[in-house]
Protein backbone atom coordinates (compact mmCIF):
# COMPACT_ATOMS: atom_id res chain seq x y z
CA MET A 1 36.94 41.85 3.74
CA ARG A 2 38.82 44.96 1.89
CA HIS A 3 39.86 43.15 -1.40
CA ARG A 4 43.55 43.97 -1.14
CA HIS A 5 44.44 44.17 -5.05
CA SER A 6 45.80 47.50 -6.32
CA LEU A 7 42.19 49.66 -7.84
CA PRO A 8 41.82 50.93 -10.58
CA ALA A 9 40.92 54.55 -11.16
CA TRP A 10 38.28 56.06 -13.55
CA HIS A 11 36.97 58.66 -15.39
CA VAL A 12 33.82 59.66 -17.32
CA ALA A 13 33.26 61.62 -20.15
CA THR A 14 29.46 62.27 -21.38
CA ALA A 15 27.74 63.61 -24.35
CA ASP A 16 24.18 64.85 -24.77
CA ALA A 17 21.91 65.83 -27.90
CA THR A 18 18.21 66.41 -28.35
CA GLY A 19 16.67 64.32 -31.06
CA ALA A 20 15.88 66.30 -34.61
CA THR A 21 12.44 64.91 -34.73
CA HIS A 22 12.26 66.47 -31.50
CA VAL A 23 13.32 69.97 -32.25
CA ALA A 24 11.09 69.61 -35.35
CA LYS A 25 7.91 68.76 -32.91
CA HIS A 26 9.48 71.71 -30.34
CA MET A 27 9.41 68.47 -27.80
CA SER A 28 11.31 68.64 -25.07
CA TYR A 29 14.97 67.07 -24.57
CA GLU A 30 14.08 63.89 -22.60
CA ASP A 31 17.12 61.82 -21.54
CA ALA A 32 19.12 62.40 -18.70
CA TRP A 33 22.59 61.59 -17.16
CA ALA A 34 24.17 62.20 -13.61
CA VAL A 35 27.72 60.91 -12.52
CA ALA A 36 28.72 60.95 -8.63
CA PRO A 37 31.06 62.32 -6.69
CA ALA A 38 32.28 64.14 -9.78
CA ARG A 39 33.13 63.66 -13.77
CA GLY A 40 36.67 63.38 -14.56
CA LEU A 41 39.61 61.44 -12.81
CA ARG A 42 39.45 59.93 -9.61
CA GLY A 43 41.80 58.12 -6.80
CA ASN A 44 41.81 54.63 -6.41
CA GLU A 45 39.80 54.82 -3.48
CA THR A 46 36.86 56.69 -5.05
CA PRO A 47 33.98 54.74 -6.22
CA VAL A 48 32.28 56.55 -9.45
CA VAL A 49 28.71 55.85 -10.33
CA VAL A 50 27.12 56.57 -14.05
CA ALA A 51 23.63 56.58 -14.53
CA VAL A 52 21.51 57.41 -18.21
CA ALA A 53 18.22 57.39 -18.36
CA ASP A 54 15.88 57.59 -21.01
CA GLY A 55 12.45 59.51 -20.48
CA HIS A 56 9.17 57.84 -22.57
CA GLY A 57 8.14 59.90 -25.18
CA HIS A 58 4.50 59.16 -25.23
CA ALA A 59 1.84 61.15 -24.24
CA ARG A 60 0.71 59.14 -21.82
CA HIS A 61 4.08 59.75 -19.98
CA PHE A 62 3.58 63.43 -19.77
CA ARG A 63 6.56 63.77 -17.39
CA SER A 64 9.15 61.50 -18.72
CA ALA A 65 11.58 64.29 -19.09
CA ARG A 66 11.39 65.06 -15.14
CA GLY A 67 10.80 61.22 -14.92
CA ALA A 68 14.05 60.59 -16.32
CA GLU A 69 15.86 63.19 -14.19
CA LEU A 70 14.50 61.68 -11.09
CA ALA A 71 15.93 57.89 -12.11
CA VAL A 72 19.21 59.07 -12.49
CA ALA A 73 19.30 61.08 -9.18
CA ALA A 74 17.99 58.05 -7.62
CA ALA A 75 19.99 56.19 -8.89
CA ALA A 76 23.10 57.90 -7.98
CA ARG A 77 22.47 58.22 -5.20
CA VAL A 78 21.19 54.61 -4.35
CA GLY A 79 24.62 53.44 -6.44
CA MET A 80 27.11 56.12 -4.22
CA ALA A 81 26.36 54.40 -1.26
CA ALA A 82 26.14 50.60 -2.55
CA ALA A 83 29.27 51.53 -3.80
CA VAL A 84 31.15 52.43 -0.37
CA GLU A 85 30.25 48.74 0.62
CA LEU A 86 30.97 46.85 -2.23
CA SER A 87 34.27 48.19 -2.57
CA GLU A 88 34.78 46.27 0.67
CA PHE A 89 34.12 42.84 -0.23
CA GLU A 90 35.76 40.01 -2.72
CA ASP A 91 32.77 38.13 -2.54
CA ALA A 92 31.34 38.02 -5.70
CA GLU A 93 28.17 36.29 -4.49
CA TYR A 94 27.59 38.86 -1.40
CA ILE A 95 28.04 41.31 -4.61
CA GLU A 96 25.49 39.98 -6.67
CA GLY A 97 23.08 39.15 -3.61
CA ALA A 98 23.18 43.12 -2.92
CA LEU A 99 22.26 44.22 -5.98
CA TYR A 100 19.43 41.48 -6.34
CA GLN A 101 17.77 42.27 -2.78
CA ILE A 102 19.12 45.68 -1.89
CA VAL A 103 20.55 48.31 -4.77
CA GLY A 104 17.63 47.22 -7.50
CA PRO A 105 14.42 47.56 -5.17
CA ALA A 106 16.09 50.59 -3.72
CA VAL A 107 16.29 52.35 -6.95
CA VAL A 108 13.26 52.05 -7.61
CA SER A 109 11.28 52.79 -4.09
CA THR A 110 13.46 56.03 -4.23
CA TRP A 111 12.58 56.68 -7.30
CA ARG A 112 9.21 56.50 -6.75
CA ASP A 113 9.19 58.66 -3.52
CA TYR A 114 10.64 61.12 -6.34
CA VAL A 115 7.71 61.25 -8.08
CA TYR A 116 5.72 61.66 -5.43
CA ALA A 117 7.34 64.45 -3.94
CA ASP A 118 7.57 66.05 -7.54
CA LEU A 119 3.68 65.28 -7.95
CA GLU A 120 3.21 67.20 -4.21
CA GLN A 121 5.32 70.17 -5.40
CA SER A 122 3.87 70.63 -8.83
CA PRO A 123 0.09 68.65 -9.32
CA VAL A 124 -0.84 67.67 -12.32
CA THR A 125 -2.40 70.05 -14.44
CA GLU A 126 -5.88 70.11 -15.72
CA GLY A 127 -3.71 70.92 -19.49
CA GLU A 128 -1.77 68.02 -18.40
CA ARG A 129 -4.36 65.34 -17.88
CA VAL A 130 -6.38 66.47 -20.90
CA ALA A 131 -3.04 66.24 -23.08
CA ALA A 132 -2.14 62.65 -21.44
CA GLY A 133 -6.13 61.59 -22.25
CA LEU A 134 -6.27 60.58 -18.68
CA GLU A 135 -9.66 60.41 -16.84
CA ALA A 136 -10.52 63.25 -14.40
CA GLU A 137 -10.34 60.54 -11.39
CA LEU A 138 -6.54 59.29 -11.65
CA THR A 139 -4.65 57.12 -9.08
CA ALA A 140 -1.43 56.77 -8.19
CA GLU A 141 -0.52 54.36 -10.87
CA ASP A 142 -1.66 56.84 -13.40
CA LEU A 143 0.59 59.50 -12.21
CA ILE A 144 3.96 57.47 -12.19
CA TYR A 145 2.39 55.87 -15.36
CA GLY A 146 3.32 59.82 -16.95
CA TYR A 147 7.16 59.40 -15.58
CA GLY A 148 7.55 56.48 -17.17
CA THR A 149 11.46 56.13 -18.15
CA THR A 150 14.31 53.58 -18.95
CA LEU A 151 17.25 53.27 -16.89
CA LEU A 152 20.93 52.58 -16.88
CA LEU A 153 23.85 51.92 -14.38
CA ALA A 154 27.18 51.45 -13.53
CA VAL A 155 28.92 51.22 -10.10
CA ALA A 156 32.77 51.14 -10.10
CA ALA A 157 33.84 50.05 -6.81
CA GLY A 158 36.92 48.86 -5.55
CA PRO A 159 37.97 46.02 -8.46
CA TRP A 160 34.10 45.33 -9.04
CA LEU A 161 31.94 46.73 -11.68
CA ALA A 162 28.13 46.40 -11.23
CA PHE A 163 25.55 46.84 -13.95
CA LEU A 164 21.62 47.43 -13.30
CA GLN A 165 19.62 47.88 -16.97
CA LEU A 166 15.81 48.16 -16.76
CA GLY A 167 14.27 49.14 -20.48
CA ASP A 168 16.34 49.49 -23.47
CA GLY A 169 19.47 51.43 -24.75
CA ASP A 170 22.70 49.81 -24.67
CA LEU A 171 25.82 49.08 -22.28
CA PHE A 172 28.69 47.34 -22.78
CA LEU A 173 32.33 46.46 -21.60
CA ILE A 174 35.71 47.26 -24.12
CA ALA A 175 38.42 45.67 -23.61
CA PRO A 176 41.92 46.86 -24.51
CA ASP A 177 42.16 45.34 -27.59
CA GLY A 178 38.98 46.26 -28.70
CA SER A 179 36.50 43.28 -28.07
CA VAL A 180 33.23 43.78 -27.10
CA ALA A 181 31.50 42.19 -24.17
CA HIS A 182 27.75 42.18 -22.26
CA PRO A 183 27.70 42.28 -18.76
CA VAL A 184 23.60 42.54 -18.54
CA PRO A 185 21.37 39.88 -19.96
CA PHE A 186 19.30 40.65 -23.01
CA ASP A 187 15.23 41.27 -22.23
CA PRO A 188 13.62 39.52 -25.08
CA ARG A 189 10.56 41.69 -24.64
CA LEU A 190 12.84 44.87 -25.89
CA ASP A 191 11.49 44.51 -29.65
CA GLY A 192 12.81 47.96 -31.16
CA LEU A 193 8.91 49.07 -30.53
CA ARG A 194 8.19 48.58 -26.92
CA THR A 195 10.68 48.86 -23.33
CA THR A 196 10.06 47.93 -19.81
CA SER A 197 10.22 50.88 -17.33
CA LEU A 198 10.69 52.32 -13.88
CA CYS A 199 6.77 53.35 -14.26
CA GLN A 200 5.49 49.74 -14.54
CA PRO A 201 3.95 47.77 -11.47
CA ASP A 202 7.24 45.22 -11.92
CA ALA A 203 9.84 47.49 -12.43
CA VAL A 204 11.60 45.14 -9.74
CA GLU A 205 11.37 41.82 -11.40
CA SER A 206 12.41 43.51 -14.63
CA ILE A 207 15.73 44.46 -13.44
CA ARG A 208 18.44 43.05 -15.45
CA TYR A 209 22.36 42.66 -13.68
CA GLY A 210 25.75 42.39 -14.51
CA ILE A 211 29.02 41.79 -12.10
CA VAL A 212 32.54 42.28 -13.55
CA GLU A 213 35.45 41.99 -11.54
CA VAL A 214 38.22 44.26 -13.13
CA GLY A 215 41.43 41.71 -12.38
CA ALA A 216 39.78 38.39 -13.16
CA GLN A 217 38.12 40.72 -16.86
CA PRO A 218 40.68 43.14 -18.76
CA VAL A 219 37.90 46.21 -18.99
CA GLY A 220 39.34 49.69 -21.27
CA ALA A 221 36.13 51.27 -20.78
CA VAL A 222 31.81 51.18 -20.14
CA MET A 223 29.63 52.56 -22.74
CA LEU A 224 25.70 53.25 -21.68
CA ALA A 225 23.86 54.85 -24.19
CA THR A 226 20.19 55.35 -24.41
CA ASP A 227 18.23 53.79 -27.51
CA GLY A 228 18.96 56.72 -29.96
CA TYR A 229 23.01 56.46 -30.38
CA GLY A 230 22.40 52.39 -31.49
CA ASN A 231 18.85 53.26 -33.33
CA ALA A 232 21.44 56.11 -35.39
CA GLN A 233 23.87 52.68 -36.77
CA ARG A 234 23.86 50.66 -39.91
CA TYR A 235 24.25 47.55 -38.58
CA GLU A 236 23.35 45.35 -36.36
CA GLY A 237 26.50 44.33 -35.02
CA TRP A 238 27.68 47.84 -34.42
CA ALA A 239 28.71 48.01 -30.90
CA ASP A 240 31.84 45.44 -32.34
CA ILE A 241 32.51 47.54 -34.74
CA PHE A 242 32.14 50.89 -32.27
CA GLY A 243 35.20 48.73 -29.53
CA GLY A 244 37.16 47.98 -32.21
CA GLU A 245 37.50 51.48 -33.42
CA LEU A 246 37.37 52.63 -29.65
CA ALA A 247 40.58 50.52 -29.09
CA ILE A 248 42.77 52.34 -32.29
CA LEU A 249 42.09 55.24 -31.10
CA ALA A 250 42.85 55.20 -27.92
CA GLU A 251 46.05 53.82 -28.40
CA ARG A 252 46.54 56.61 -31.24
CA TYR A 253 45.29 59.50 -29.54
CA GLY A 254 44.12 58.75 -26.31
CA THR A 255 40.72 58.66 -24.36
CA ALA A 256 40.76 62.16 -23.07
CA TRP A 257 41.03 63.13 -27.24
CA ILE A 258 37.81 60.61 -27.43
CA GLY A 259 36.14 62.25 -24.80
CA GLU A 260 36.47 65.54 -26.99
CA GLN A 261 35.30 63.97 -29.99
CA LEU A 262 32.01 62.46 -27.75
CA PRO A 263 29.43 65.18 -27.98
CA GLU A 264 30.41 64.93 -32.23
CA TRP A 265 29.22 61.38 -32.37
CA VAL A 266 26.37 62.06 -30.59
CA ARG A 267 24.78 65.21 -32.13
CA ALA A 268 25.98 62.81 -35.63
CA CYS A 269 23.54 60.33 -33.90
CA ALA A 270 20.66 62.61 -33.50
CA THR A 271 20.32 64.34 -37.11
CA ILE A 272 17.42 63.28 -39.03
CA ASP A 273 19.97 61.24 -40.97
CA GLY A 274 20.92 59.32 -37.76
CA SER A 275 17.82 58.18 -35.31
CA GLY A 276 16.46 61.69 -35.05
CA ASP A 277 15.73 60.60 -30.94
CA ASP A 278 17.14 62.47 -28.30
CA VAL A 279 20.90 60.95 -27.38
CA THR A 280 22.86 60.21 -24.61
CA ALA A 281 26.11 58.10 -23.98
CA ALA A 282 28.75 58.13 -21.42
CA LEU A 283 32.30 56.79 -21.09
CA LEU A 284 33.59 55.42 -18.22
CA PHE A 285 37.59 54.76 -19.08
CA ALA A 286 39.83 52.45 -16.78
CA ALA A 287 42.39 55.33 -16.31
CA ASP A 288 45.43 52.95 -16.89
CA THR A 289 44.56 51.01 -19.38
CA GLU A 290 47.58 50.40 -22.16
CA TRP A 291 45.16 49.52 -25.56
CA ARG A 292 46.24 47.40 -26.98
CA PRO A 293 44.03 46.95 -30.68
CA GLY A 294 43.65 43.00 -31.49
CA ASP A 295 44.19 41.94 -35.19
CA VAL A 296 40.50 40.56 -35.11
CA ALA A 297 39.75 44.38 -34.18
CA LEU A 298 41.87 46.37 -37.09
CA ALA A 299 40.49 43.94 -39.66
CA MET A 300 37.14 44.82 -38.67
CA GLN A 301 37.10 48.09 -38.91
CA TYR A 302 37.53 49.09 -42.44
CA PRO A 303 37.24 45.51 -44.43
CA ASP A 304 36.45 47.84 -47.64
CA ASP A 305 39.63 50.16 -46.76
CA PRO A 306 43.63 48.45 -46.72
CA ASP A 307 44.70 51.83 -45.52
CA GLY A 308 42.35 51.57 -42.37
CA PHE A 309 43.33 54.71 -39.42
CA ASP A 310 46.19 55.62 -41.92
CA SER A 311 43.45 58.00 -44.01
CA LEU A 312 42.37 59.66 -41.22
CA ASP A 313 42.81 62.69 -41.03
CA PRO A 314 44.95 63.74 -37.61
CA PRO A 315 42.99 64.95 -34.85
CA ASP A 316 44.00 68.56 -34.15
CA LEU A 317 42.16 69.60 -37.39
CA PRO A 318 39.17 72.04 -36.11
CA LEU A 319 35.77 70.37 -35.97
CA ASP A 320 33.08 71.59 -36.31
CA PRO A 321 29.31 70.51 -35.66
CA PRO A 322 28.38 68.19 -38.60
CA LEU A 323 25.65 70.77 -40.33
CA GLY A 324 23.42 68.13 -42.66
CA PRO A 325 23.62 65.51 -44.88
CA ALA A 326 26.74 67.98 -47.37
CA ARG A 327 28.63 67.58 -44.99
CA HIS A 328 28.48 64.37 -44.40
CA GLY A 329 32.05 61.87 -44.61
CA THR A 330 34.11 65.43 -45.70
CA PRO A 331 37.82 65.20 -44.68
CA ASP A 332 37.48 67.29 -41.70
CA MET A 333 35.17 65.60 -40.25
CA ARG A 334 36.02 62.08 -40.37
CA ALA A 335 37.88 61.36 -37.68
CA THR A 336 34.98 62.59 -35.16
CA TRP A 337 32.34 60.09 -36.76
CA PRO A 338 31.44 56.49 -35.07
CA LEU A 339 32.58 54.15 -37.69
CA SER A 340 28.79 52.21 -38.17
CA PHE A 341 27.54 55.54 -38.68
CA ARG A 342 29.80 56.39 -40.84
CA ARG A 343 29.14 54.18 -43.31
CA ARG A 344 25.73 55.58 -44.01
CA GLU A 345 27.90 57.36 -46.55
CA ARG A 346 30.66 54.92 -47.76
CA ALA A 347 28.07 52.32 -48.17
């Protein structure tokens, strides 16, 4: 049955940066992202799919950067095919069943097909085998393991937001008042040192899912980020701080301006004073949102700064990328930093 309510339009901002630790060790960027059908403002009838992946940096995952690229390609392909059908239905149970029974398994199987095709085109070299500490006789699972990666997927289809997450990273909703909700359940196996992965034999069973009906739950934006972003934050509850700050900035300067600042926020998190890891983030904005920061969000932002955002510089100042600790917190940079990261210098 076609959903007859007005459908939200979406636009997407993305940014990525190679981590300072990767640069120092001459490692490649091992994250990946994909937006389908295209970046930018879309029409009401056009589904939008956003995928973010983080290849594992361990030597045994000798092609994890390629694994992440293949993961977002597989997720975008499956997500767009699913979105066309999901946008037609009002039944949440149907959509939930489709995610669990069709979309999740299809993402994993498509990724595996891509990996096998990549291996056929580019067989494992002796240098890769030695560097990864692999035995001379390689099994199929040995080779799949080499492409290990996490995956986050958001599908905006008609009145629905559908989510899939495998492994660590951050995926949360930001309401127009700045409050934050986590639509995907937490996995207790993720302890900061270990993560579930597409390369595991039980990858399908390890996927977590979430569904949101936009009309029933106010949504201003969706944040998807690899763990390099969250690991750069000082406070465990950084997502709540981020949501409140984003609502204030969106109301004051608009979401297009936030999209322009996102690369600065990501680069800051990738520095040695942040996580030092590769960082990738995507913000999926509901285009017609009327942002109204709530009292709780406003109070949360600057408990030690009574002037709040009145003390920030206007957004039209020239913004250079952060160059190191000496630049942190200088007046011309303050408006571009995510609050919870900026508090490293203010605490």
